Amino acid sequence: MNMGSVMTNESDRLLQINQGRLGNVRRLVLFGLGAQFQDCYRQLLPWLGREPDCLCDNAPEKWGRQFFGKKCISPVELGQLGEDTEVVITIRRYEEIYRQLSEMGLKNVFVACFDRAYDVVHNVRSIRTEQFSSDEGRFDSPVRGKWTLVTGASRGIGRQIALEMAKLGANIIAHSRHISHTDEIVHFCSALGVQALPLGAELSDPSELEAMLDKLKNSYPPVDIVFNNAGISLSCGPDPRDISFNDYMFHYAVNTIAPIHISCCLIPGMINRGFGRIINISSTIQNRPSEMAYSCSKAALSKFVHDLAPSLHNTGVAICLVCPGHVRSDMGGVDAPNSVESVTPGALLGAMMIENVNGCWFVAQDYAGLSIPAAIKRAHFYYGQRS
């Protein structure tokens, strides 16, 4: 079958679905001209059922300029168009923009929802004020008593995930390259009133990886939740053509093959028990050729997750991806814009959400600063899931 005709048919179907919602409005405006808008404008059109009349952004340097043949106006000009104007927000952190539009009297507001990092539009959803209502009442942790393996748990993102899961009542299996490196995190997790066990293995060494998996299957409690967090990003020089065979092998061994092997080893037991969650830490890194070995290894891990996820449908087991963002860790460096603490609660959503999160890609920084109930509510909205 011709792929062009398939894409045309899909575009026609989406256009028919959305024409009644957006296609016949008097004015249609896209708000937010960031990376998502630039990368996904053409994808948005079938969802919208028509081209926008104009664009809008809060950045003054964009006002009056043309993007994709459409003029960018200021928020003041947008407010003058009248309340029958429908606005689609095209940035991930849409909340403040929605509040701004509401204060301007605009009531018909939608959000473009992106998946697989930034390059796929998976929905355009109507937003209402109730999305921001507070429901911070009693929260019953769904991970209480669940045995959770965190690789690379001795520092950085892995340490943050292990501590936050322990606070939520999960028992922790803390992995590091050397078992002695886990002493501190095991101590801190145990002090939170949960069980915590150490685990050591060099994930780039096939024999150590196999020995670790044998221990998990034969000497440790059954694993319910996995955070495949351990990873490396080593300097390979400024020219990607000079990256060595060994550099690629090392990055793929740790960042791709190890988490795939861990997942495939533990999934059968999870299926037999009717529950399991595997959360893989990936990356949206792009356009940085000097980090090609790292970026390719993470792209391969993401491909594994997207291709495996459909086979887990209706098993009680789900596999998903998390982009933690650029954080101030040993890997991210001291000049990174985000703190390690900012990865939670977003990085935990694959374990915390009761609904099927199979194949989802969570961007942790989208949820920075939120409580867990608020983060879950946001993810419900963004991915079209219902509470």
Protein backbone atom coordinates (compact mmCIF):
# COMPACT_ATOMS: atom_id res chain seq x y z
CA MET A 1 0.00 0.00 0.00
CA ASN A 2 1.27 3.47 -0.85
CA MET A 3 2.28 5.30 2.34
CA GLY A 4 1.31 8.63 0.81
CA SER A 5 -2.27 7.45 0.38
CA VAL A 6 -2.31 6.12 3.96
CA MET A 7 -1.20 9.50 5.31
CA THR A 8 -3.75 11.29 3.11
CA ASN A 9 -6.56 9.04 4.33
CA GLU A 10 -5.55 9.59 7.94
CA SER A 11 -5.43 13.35 7.40
CA ASP A 12 -8.89 13.25 5.79
CA ARG A 13 -10.24 11.25 8.76
CA LEU A 14 -8.82 13.67 11.31
CA LEU A 15 -10.08 16.63 9.31
CA GLN A 16 -13.62 15.20 9.31
CA ILE A 17 -13.44 14.56 13.06
CA ASN A 18 -12.23 18.05 13.90
CA GLN A 19 -14.00 20.25 11.36
CA GLY A 20 -17.09 20.42 13.55
CA ARG A 21 -14.98 21.39 16.53
CA LEU A 22 -12.46 23.84 15.10
CA GLY A 23 -12.87 23.97 11.33
CA ASN A 24 -15.87 26.32 11.22
CA VAL A 25 -14.91 28.83 13.90
CA ARG A 26 -14.78 32.51 13.02
CA ARG A 27 -11.14 32.92 14.05
CA LEU A 28 -8.51 30.35 14.92
CA VAL A 29 -5.20 31.33 16.53
CA LEU A 30 -2.18 29.25 17.57
CA PHE A 31 -0.45 30.57 20.69
CA GLY A 32 3.21 29.77 21.40
CA LEU A 33 5.89 29.65 18.71
CA GLY A 34 8.44 27.41 20.40
CA ALA A 35 10.02 24.09 19.42
CA GLN A 36 6.74 22.18 19.28
CA PHE A 37 5.14 24.72 16.97
CA GLN A 38 8.16 24.81 14.67
CA ASP A 39 8.46 21.02 14.44
CA CYS A 40 4.79 20.09 14.37
CA TYR A 41 2.93 22.88 12.55
CA ARG A 42 2.14 20.69 9.51
CA GLN A 43 1.00 17.86 11.78
CA LEU A 44 -1.40 20.18 13.57
CA LEU A 45 -3.38 21.16 10.48
CA PRO A 46 -5.30 17.86 10.09
CA TRP A 47 -6.21 18.01 13.77
CA LEU A 48 -7.43 21.58 13.41
CA GLY A 49 -9.34 21.01 10.18
CA ARG A 50 -8.00 24.26 8.71
CA GLU A 51 -5.08 26.66 8.81
CA PRO A 52 -5.03 29.25 11.59
CA ASP A 53 -5.93 32.83 10.79
CA CYS A 54 -2.90 34.09 12.68
CA LEU A 55 -0.40 33.26 15.40
CA CYS A 56 0.38 34.75 18.79
CA ASP A 57 3.26 34.72 21.27
CA ASN A 58 4.37 36.58 24.38
CA ALA A 59 7.77 37.42 22.88
CA PRO A 60 7.72 40.99 21.42
CA GLU A 61 10.46 40.15 18.90
CA LYS A 62 8.04 37.79 17.14
CA TRP A 63 5.16 40.27 16.77
CA GLY A 64 4.55 41.27 13.17
CA ARG A 65 6.74 38.51 11.75
CA GLN A 66 5.54 35.74 9.44
CA PHE A 67 5.78 32.05 10.41
CA PHE A 68 4.60 29.43 7.92
CA GLY A 69 2.96 32.29 6.04
CA LYS A 70 0.94 33.43 9.07
CA LYS A 71 1.39 36.72 10.94
CA CYS A 72 2.24 36.67 14.64
CA ILE A 73 0.22 39.17 16.64
CA SER A 74 0.64 40.40 20.21
CA PRO A 75 -1.55 39.20 23.11
CA VAL A 76 -3.18 42.65 23.16
CA GLU A 77 -4.22 42.23 19.53
CA LEU A 78 -5.45 38.72 20.28
CA GLY A 79 -7.70 40.06 23.03
CA GLN A 80 -9.21 42.51 20.58
CA LEU A 81 -10.39 39.71 18.28
CA GLY A 82 -13.30 38.89 20.56
CA GLU A 83 -14.34 35.98 22.77
CA ASP A 84 -15.60 33.88 19.85
CA THR A 85 -11.97 33.36 18.84
CA GLU A 86 -10.66 29.84 19.47
CA VAL A 87 -7.06 29.51 20.61
CA VAL A 88 -4.84 26.42 20.53
CA ILE A 89 -1.87 26.54 22.91
CA THR A 90 1.15 24.89 21.31
CA ILE A 91 3.59 24.69 24.23
CA ARG A 92 3.91 21.87 26.76
CA ARG A 93 3.63 23.98 29.92
CA TYR A 94 0.30 25.45 28.96
CA GLU A 95 -1.11 26.41 32.38
CA GLU A 96 0.13 30.01 32.64
CA ILE A 97 -0.86 30.72 29.05
CA TYR A 98 -4.35 29.39 29.76
CA ARG A 99 -4.67 31.67 32.79
CA GLN A 100 -3.49 34.62 30.68
CA LEU A 101 -6.08 33.86 28.01
CA SER A 102 -8.84 33.46 30.59
CA GLU A 103 -8.04 36.86 32.08
CA MET A 104 -8.35 38.28 28.55
CA GLY A 105 -11.90 36.88 28.34
CA LEU A 106 -11.09 34.09 25.87
CA LYS A 107 -13.13 31.00 26.73
CA ASN A 108 -12.57 28.60 23.83
CA VAL A 109 -9.09 27.32 24.53
CA PHE A 110 -7.48 24.07 23.39
CA VAL A 111 -4.10 22.45 24.04
CA ALA A 112 -2.00 20.64 21.44
CA CYS A 113 -0.65 17.52 23.16
CA PHE A 114 2.70 16.13 22.04
CA ASP A 115 4.13 12.64 22.44
CA ARG A 116 7.44 10.88 21.74
CA ALA A 117 9.32 13.89 23.08
CA TYR A 118 8.41 16.86 20.88
CA ASP A 119 7.80 15.55 17.40
CA VAL A 120 4.37 13.89 17.35
CA VAL A 121 0.97 15.52 17.86
CA HIS A 122 -1.29 12.95 19.47
CA ASN A 123 -4.29 15.08 20.39
CA VAL A 124 -5.83 18.55 20.53
CA ARG A 125 -7.89 18.81 23.71
CA SER A 126 -10.31 21.38 24.99
CA ILE A 127 -9.33 22.89 28.33
CA ARG A 128 -11.60 24.29 31.00
CA THR A 129 -11.08 25.97 34.36
CA GLU A 130 -11.90 22.76 36.27
CA GLN A 131 -8.62 21.33 34.99
CA PHE A 132 -6.95 23.59 37.57
CA SER A 133 -9.26 22.82 40.48
CA SER A 134 -7.55 21.58 43.62
CA ASP A 135 -8.12 17.98 44.69
CA GLU A 136 -5.23 17.59 47.10
CA GLY A 137 -7.14 15.43 49.56
CA ARG A 138 -6.09 12.01 50.81
CA PHE A 139 -3.70 10.26 48.46
CA ASP A 140 -3.31 6.50 48.66
CA SER A 141 0.02 5.47 47.20
CA PRO A 142 -0.42 2.70 44.60
CA VAL A 143 3.23 1.64 45.00
CA ARG A 144 3.15 0.92 48.72
CA GLY A 145 4.83 -2.43 49.35
CA LYS A 146 5.88 -2.84 45.71
CA TRP A 147 9.45 -3.97 45.16
CA THR A 148 11.15 -1.39 42.97
CA LEU A 149 14.50 -1.81 41.22
CA VAL A 150 16.34 1.43 40.49
CA THR A 151 19.53 1.11 38.46
CA GLY A 152 22.14 3.78 39.03
CA ALA A 153 20.53 4.55 42.40
CA SER A 154 23.59 5.78 44.27
CA ARG A 155 23.55 9.33 42.89
CA GLY A 156 21.79 11.87 40.69
CA ILE A 157 18.43 11.05 39.14
CA GLY A 158 18.47 7.44 40.32
CA ARG A 159 19.01 8.48 43.92
CA GLN A 160 16.18 11.01 43.68
CA ILE A 161 13.81 8.39 42.25
CA ALA A 162 14.74 5.81 44.89
CA LEU A 163 14.17 8.25 47.75
CA GLU A 164 10.84 9.49 46.42
CA MET A 165 9.58 5.95 45.79
CA ALA A 166 10.63 4.97 49.32
CA LYS A 167 8.71 7.97 50.71
CA LEU A 168 5.66 6.58 48.88
CA GLY A 169 6.07 3.23 50.63
CA ALA A 170 7.83 1.24 47.90
CA ASN A 171 10.53 -1.24 48.88
CA ILE A 172 13.78 -0.50 47.07
CA ILE A 173 16.43 -2.58 45.34
CA ALA A 174 19.20 -0.05 44.85
CA HIS A 175 21.70 -0.84 42.11
CA SER A 176 25.08 0.70 41.48
CA ARG A 177 28.26 -0.26 39.66
CA HIS A 178 29.77 -1.38 42.97
CA ILE A 179 27.56 -2.65 45.77
CA SER A 180 29.45 -0.54 48.32
CA HIS A 181 28.25 2.58 46.48
CA THR A 182 24.67 1.79 47.56
CA ASP A 183 25.35 1.95 51.32
CA GLU A 184 24.08 5.52 51.72
CA ILE A 185 20.92 5.19 49.61
CA VAL A 186 20.01 1.88 51.27
CA HIS A 187 20.44 3.54 54.67
CA PHE A 188 18.28 6.54 53.76
CA CYS A 189 15.51 4.41 52.22
CA SER A 190 15.46 2.06 55.22
CA ALA A 191 15.15 5.09 57.51
CA LEU A 192 11.91 5.94 55.68
CA GLY A 193 10.35 2.73 56.98
CA VAL A 194 10.63 0.51 53.91
CA GLN A 195 12.82 -2.44 53.05
CA ALA A 196 15.90 -1.66 50.99
CA LEU A 197 18.40 -4.07 49.46
CA PRO A 198 21.71 -3.39 47.68
CA LEU A 199 22.66 -4.72 44.26
CA GLY A 200 25.94 -4.29 42.40
CA ALA A 201 26.94 -4.88 38.77
CA GLU A 202 28.89 -3.20 36.01
CA LEU A 203 26.20 -3.06 33.32
CA SER A 204 28.68 -2.82 30.46
CA ASP A 205 30.09 -6.24 31.42
CA PRO A 206 27.84 -9.05 30.05
CA SER A 207 28.96 -11.52 32.71
CA GLU A 208 28.20 -9.09 35.56
CA LEU A 209 24.84 -8.21 34.01
CA GLU A 210 23.89 -11.90 33.72
CA ALA A 211 25.00 -12.57 37.30
CA MET A 212 22.89 -9.63 38.50
CA LEU A 213 19.81 -10.92 36.70
CA ASP A 214 20.33 -14.40 38.17
CA LYS A 215 20.45 -12.85 41.65
CA LEU A 216 17.28 -10.90 40.99
CA LYS A 217 15.42 -14.02 39.88
CA ASN A 218 16.73 -16.36 42.56
CA SER A 219 17.76 -14.36 45.62
CA TYR A 220 15.64 -11.21 45.71
CA PRO A 221 11.91 -10.57 46.10
CA PRO A 222 9.94 -10.48 42.81
CA VAL A 223 10.39 -7.10 41.16
CA ASP A 224 7.16 -5.15 40.52
CA ILE A 225 8.58 -1.87 39.19
CA VAL A 226 11.81 -1.11 37.34
CA PHE A 227 13.44 2.25 36.74
CA ASN A 228 16.11 1.67 34.10
CA ASN A 229 17.98 4.81 35.04
CA ALA A 230 21.70 3.93 34.88
CA GLY A 231 23.38 5.55 31.91
CA ILE A 232 26.58 7.11 30.64
CA SER A 233 27.35 10.12 28.47
CA LEU A 234 31.07 10.35 27.90
CA SER A 235 32.91 12.99 25.93
CA CYS A 236 33.73 11.62 22.49
CA GLY A 237 35.37 14.71 20.99
CA PRO A 238 33.95 17.55 18.89
CA ASP A 239 33.82 15.69 15.55
CA PRO A 240 31.21 12.89 15.34
CA ARG A 241 33.22 11.28 12.54
CA ASP A 242 35.96 10.58 15.05
CA ILE A 243 33.79 8.74 17.59
CA SER A 244 35.37 5.34 17.99
CA PHE A 245 33.84 1.89 17.71
CA ASN A 246 34.54 1.31 21.40
CA ASP A 247 32.79 4.54 22.39
CA TYR A 248 29.65 3.45 20.55
CA MET A 249 29.86 -0.05 22.04
CA PHE A 250 30.24 1.28 25.59
CA HIS A 251 27.30 3.67 25.29
CA TYR A 252 25.05 1.06 23.71
CA ALA A 253 26.03 -1.58 26.28
CA VAL A 254 25.00 0.59 29.24
CA ASN A 255 22.27 2.81 27.78
CA THR A 256 20.53 0.34 25.45
CA ILE A 257 21.42 -3.32 25.82
CA ALA A 258 21.43 -3.44 29.63
CA PRO A 259 17.94 -1.90 30.11
CA ILE A 260 16.57 -4.05 27.27
CA HIS A 261 18.04 -7.17 28.85
CA ILE A 262 16.74 -6.24 32.31
CA SER A 263 13.28 -5.57 30.91
CA CYS A 264 13.10 -8.81 28.94
CA CYS A 265 14.32 -10.81 31.92
CA LEU A 266 11.74 -9.43 34.37
CA ILE A 267 8.68 -9.01 32.14
CA PRO A 268 7.67 -12.73 32.07
CA GLY A 269 7.44 -12.86 35.87
CA MET A 270 5.47 -9.60 35.91
CA ILE A 271 3.01 -11.01 33.37
CA ASN A 272 2.58 -14.18 35.44
CA ARG A 273 1.78 -12.06 38.52
CA GLY A 274 -0.52 -9.75 36.53
CA PHE A 275 1.30 -6.51 37.30
CA GLY A 276 4.49 -4.72 36.34
CA ARG A 277 5.83 -1.30 35.40
CA ILE A 278 9.08 -0.61 33.57
CA ILE A 279 10.15 3.01 33.30
CA ASN A 280 13.11 3.72 31.03
CA ILE A 281 15.03 6.96 31.35
CA SER A 282 15.62 8.23 27.82
CA SER A 283 16.45 11.63 26.31
CA THR A 284 15.24 14.23 23.82
CA ILE A 285 18.80 15.30 23.02
CA GLN A 286 19.19 16.37 19.41
CA ASN A 287 21.40 18.44 17.11
CA ARG A 288 24.49 17.82 19.26
CA PRO A 289 26.82 15.78 17.04
CA SER A 290 29.59 15.54 19.65
CA GLU A 291 27.21 13.45 21.80
CA MET A 292 26.20 11.15 18.95
CA ALA A 293 27.09 7.92 20.78
CA TYR A 294 24.86 8.87 23.70
CA SER A 295 21.97 10.21 21.62
CA CYS A 296 21.92 7.19 19.31
CA SER A 297 21.95 4.78 22.25
CA LYS A 298 18.97 6.56 23.83
CA ALA A 299 17.11 6.66 20.51
CA ALA A 300 17.57 2.90 20.25
CA LEU A 301 16.16 2.42 23.76
CA SER A 302 13.13 4.53 22.85
CA LYS A 303 12.58 2.45 19.72
CA PHE A 304 12.62 -0.72 21.83
CA VAL A 305 9.95 0.66 24.15
CA HIS A 306 7.65 1.89 21.39
CA ASP A 307 7.88 -1.43 19.53
CA LEU A 308 7.50 -3.66 22.60
CA ALA A 309 4.63 -1.77 24.23
CA PRO A 310 1.81 -3.15 22.01
CA SER A 311 2.76 -6.73 22.90
CA LEU A 312 2.04 -5.97 26.57
CA HIS A 313 -1.55 -4.86 25.98
CA ASN A 314 -3.98 -6.43 28.50
CA THR A 315 -1.18 -8.16 30.45
CA GLY A 316 -1.17 -5.84 33.47
CA VAL A 317 2.39 -4.87 32.53
CA ALA A 318 3.32 -1.52 31.00
CA ILE A 319 6.55 -0.06 29.70
CA CYS A 320 7.15 3.64 29.17
CA LEU A 321 9.78 6.35 28.73
CA VAL A 322 10.84 9.39 30.73
CA CYS A 323 12.90 12.32 29.57
CA PRO A 324 14.27 13.85 32.78
CA GLY A 325 15.49 17.04 31.14
CA HIS A 326 18.93 18.60 31.51
CA VAL A 327 19.66 18.44 35.24
CA ARG A 328 22.59 19.33 37.47
CA SER A 329 24.07 15.88 38.01
CA ASP A 330 27.44 14.27 37.39
CA MET A 331 26.26 13.59 33.84
CA GLY A 332 24.40 16.85 33.22
CA GLY A 333 27.05 19.15 34.72
CA VAL A 334 26.87 22.04 37.16
CA ASP A 335 25.56 24.50 34.55
CA ALA A 336 22.43 22.52 33.68
CA PRO A 337 19.23 24.57 34.09
CA ASN A 338 17.27 22.11 36.25
CA SER A 339 17.86 20.62 39.68
CA VAL A 340 17.92 16.86 40.20
CA GLU A 341 14.86 17.25 42.46
CA SER A 342 12.84 18.61 39.53
CA VAL A 343 12.65 15.18 37.86
CA THR A 344 10.03 14.11 40.40
CA PRO A 345 7.10 13.68 40.40
CA GLY A 346 7.20 13.49 36.58
CA ALA A 347 9.65 10.59 36.47
CA LEU A 348 7.37 8.58 38.78
CA LEU A 349 4.19 8.81 36.71
CA GLY A 350 4.82 5.53 34.89
CA ALA A 351 4.66 3.79 38.27
CA MET A 352 2.05 5.97 39.98
CA MET A 353 -0.74 6.04 37.41
CA ILE A 354 -3.12 3.13 37.77
CA GLU A 355 -4.32 3.43 34.19
CA ASN A 356 -2.46 1.94 31.26
CA VAL A 357 0.58 4.09 30.61
CA ASN A 358 1.94 1.59 28.11
CA GLY A 359 4.11 3.30 25.49
CA CYS A 360 3.75 6.79 26.99
CA TRP A 361 6.59 9.29 26.94
CA PHE A 362 6.65 11.50 30.04
CA VAL A 363 8.70 14.71 30.02
CA ALA A 364 9.60 15.09 33.69
CA GLN A 365 10.07 18.86 33.59
CA ASP A 366 6.42 19.27 32.53
CA TYR A 367 5.49 18.27 36.09
CA ALA A 368 8.24 20.01 38.08
CA GLY A 369 6.90 21.67 41.22
CA LEU A 370 3.58 19.79 41.19
CA SER A 371 2.27 17.48 43.87
CA ILE A 372 1.78 13.87 42.86
CA PRO A 373 -2.05 14.19 42.67
CA ALA A 374 -1.70 17.34 40.54
CA ALA A 375 0.87 15.64 38.29
CA ILE A 376 -1.40 12.63 37.81
CA LYS A 377 -4.32 14.92 36.98
CA ARG A 378 -2.21 16.78 34.44
CA ALA A 379 -1.08 13.52 32.84
CA HIS A 380 -4.70 12.32 32.71
CA PHE A 381 -5.57 15.42 30.72
CA TYR A 382 -2.52 15.44 28.51
CA TYR A 383 -2.72 11.80 27.49
CA GLY A 384 -6.50 11.69 27.27
CA GLN A 385 -6.93 9.32 30.21
CA ARG A 386 -9.90 9.59 32.53
CA SER A 387 -9.91 9.38 36.31
